Amino acid sequence: MPRRRARAGSRPARTDPARRAERVEEAGDGDWVVRSLTGSASTKSYRCPGCDQEIRPGTPHLVTWPAYARNSDLEPWDTDSAADTRRHWHGACWRARDRRR
């Protein structure tokens, strides 16, 4: 039986590039969900809370938010509703945050 060719334009669904590199980090200030953004996935300007400098569009950086709600008995955040707690960081600022306090 001959193989059927895929129709033009039909491709497997790709995951959102911004969500590919998501991980949970444990630190002294809590557990954090950390998402790496590539330069091409970054289209807006943000203010880094670590250095208070602008993260310009097209700059690779990290987006972080608490992994668990404060009074949750360790129930994970609904990541779609955590927008108000997300922060955009330079990678170096995120790694140095414990030394800045």
Protein backbone atom coordinates (compact mmCIF):
# COMPACT_ATOMS: atom_id res chain seq x y z
CA MET A 1 0.00 0.00 0.00
CA PRO A 2 1.53 3.36 -0.98
CA ARG A 3 2.21 5.97 1.67
CA ARG A 4 -0.14 8.90 1.81
CA ARG A 5 1.47 12.26 1.59
CA ALA A 6 0.47 14.96 4.01
CA ARG A 7 -1.53 17.76 2.50
CA ALA A 8 0.24 21.03 1.94
CA GLY A 9 -0.03 23.22 4.99
CA SER A 10 -0.82 20.41 7.41
CA ARG A 11 1.91 20.23 9.99
CA PRO A 12 1.98 18.88 13.50
CA ALA A 13 1.04 21.48 16.07
CA ARG A 14 4.09 23.20 17.48
CA THR A 15 4.37 24.29 21.04
CA ASP A 16 4.62 27.96 21.83
CA PRO A 17 8.36 28.83 21.79
CA ALA A 18 7.93 30.94 24.90
CA ARG A 19 6.67 27.92 26.88
CA ARG A 20 9.25 25.36 25.76
CA ALA A 21 11.90 26.18 28.36
CA GLU A 22 9.67 26.38 31.43
CA ARG A 23 10.98 24.93 34.69
CA VAL A 24 10.47 25.22 38.46
CA GLU A 25 13.40 26.49 40.52
CA GLU A 26 13.69 26.08 44.28
CA ALA A 27 15.37 29.00 46.05
CA GLY A 28 15.61 30.64 49.46
CA ASP A 29 12.86 33.07 48.48
CA GLY A 30 10.44 30.32 47.41
CA ASP A 31 9.75 28.11 44.43
CA TRP A 32 9.56 29.88 41.09
CA VAL A 33 8.36 28.96 37.63
CA VAL A 34 10.99 30.25 35.23
CA ARG A 35 10.37 30.58 31.50
CA SER A 36 13.19 31.46 29.09
CA LEU A 37 12.23 33.77 26.25
CA THR A 38 14.23 33.97 23.08
CA GLY A 39 14.88 37.30 21.45
CA SER A 40 12.41 36.56 18.67
CA ALA A 41 9.68 35.76 21.21
CA SER A 42 10.18 39.11 22.96
CA THR A 43 8.21 41.90 21.30
CA LYS A 44 7.66 44.41 24.12
CA SER A 45 9.80 46.43 26.50
CA TYR A 46 9.89 45.42 30.16
CA ARG A 47 11.57 46.77 33.30
CA CYS A 48 13.88 44.29 35.06
CA PRO A 49 13.20 44.30 38.83
CA GLY A 50 16.82 43.30 39.52
CA CYS A 51 18.62 46.24 37.94
CA ASP A 52 15.68 48.56 37.15
CA GLN A 53 16.87 48.78 33.54
CA GLU A 54 14.80 48.32 30.41
CA ILE A 55 14.68 44.94 28.67
CA ARG A 56 14.26 45.95 25.04
CA PRO A 57 12.25 44.04 22.44
CA GLY A 58 14.28 41.25 20.87
CA THR A 59 16.40 40.72 24.01
CA PRO A 60 16.46 37.18 25.42
CA HIS A 61 15.34 37.18 29.06
CA LEU A 62 13.44 35.25 31.74
CA VAL A 63 9.84 35.47 32.92
CA THR A 64 9.24 34.31 36.50
CA TRP A 65 6.31 33.91 38.88
CA PRO A 66 5.72 32.08 42.18
CA ALA A 67 5.18 28.36 41.67
CA TYR A 68 2.60 28.17 44.47
CA ALA A 69 -0.04 30.48 45.81
CA ARG A 70 0.83 31.86 49.27
CA ASN A 71 -1.90 30.12 51.32
CA SER A 72 -2.46 27.18 49.05
CA ASP A 73 -1.20 24.07 50.84
CA LEU A 74 1.16 23.71 47.86
CA GLU A 75 -1.48 23.78 45.14
CA PRO A 76 0.23 24.87 41.91
CA TRP A 77 -0.65 28.19 40.37
CA ASP A 78 -2.97 28.25 37.43
CA THR A 79 -0.28 29.63 35.12
CA ASP A 80 -2.83 31.40 32.91
CA SER A 81 -4.12 33.47 35.85
CA ALA A 82 -0.69 34.29 37.31
CA ALA A 83 -0.17 37.27 34.97
CA ASP A 84 -0.23 39.80 37.80
CA THR A 85 2.75 38.14 39.53
CA ARG A 86 4.91 37.55 36.43
CA ARG A 87 8.14 39.53 36.22
CA HIS A 88 10.60 39.85 33.35
CA TRP A 89 14.28 39.60 34.35
CA HIS A 90 17.67 39.72 32.68
CA GLY A 91 19.18 36.26 33.13
CA ALA A 92 22.17 37.60 35.10
CA CYS A 93 19.92 39.68 37.36
CA TRP A 94 17.73 36.66 38.12
CA ARG A 95 20.77 34.55 39.05
CA ALA A 96 22.16 37.34 41.27
CA ARG A 97 18.91 38.29 43.02
CA ASP A 98 19.87 36.64 46.32
CA ARG A 99 23.09 38.70 46.45
CA ARG A 100 21.31 42.02 45.85
CA ARG A 101 19.15 41.99 48.99
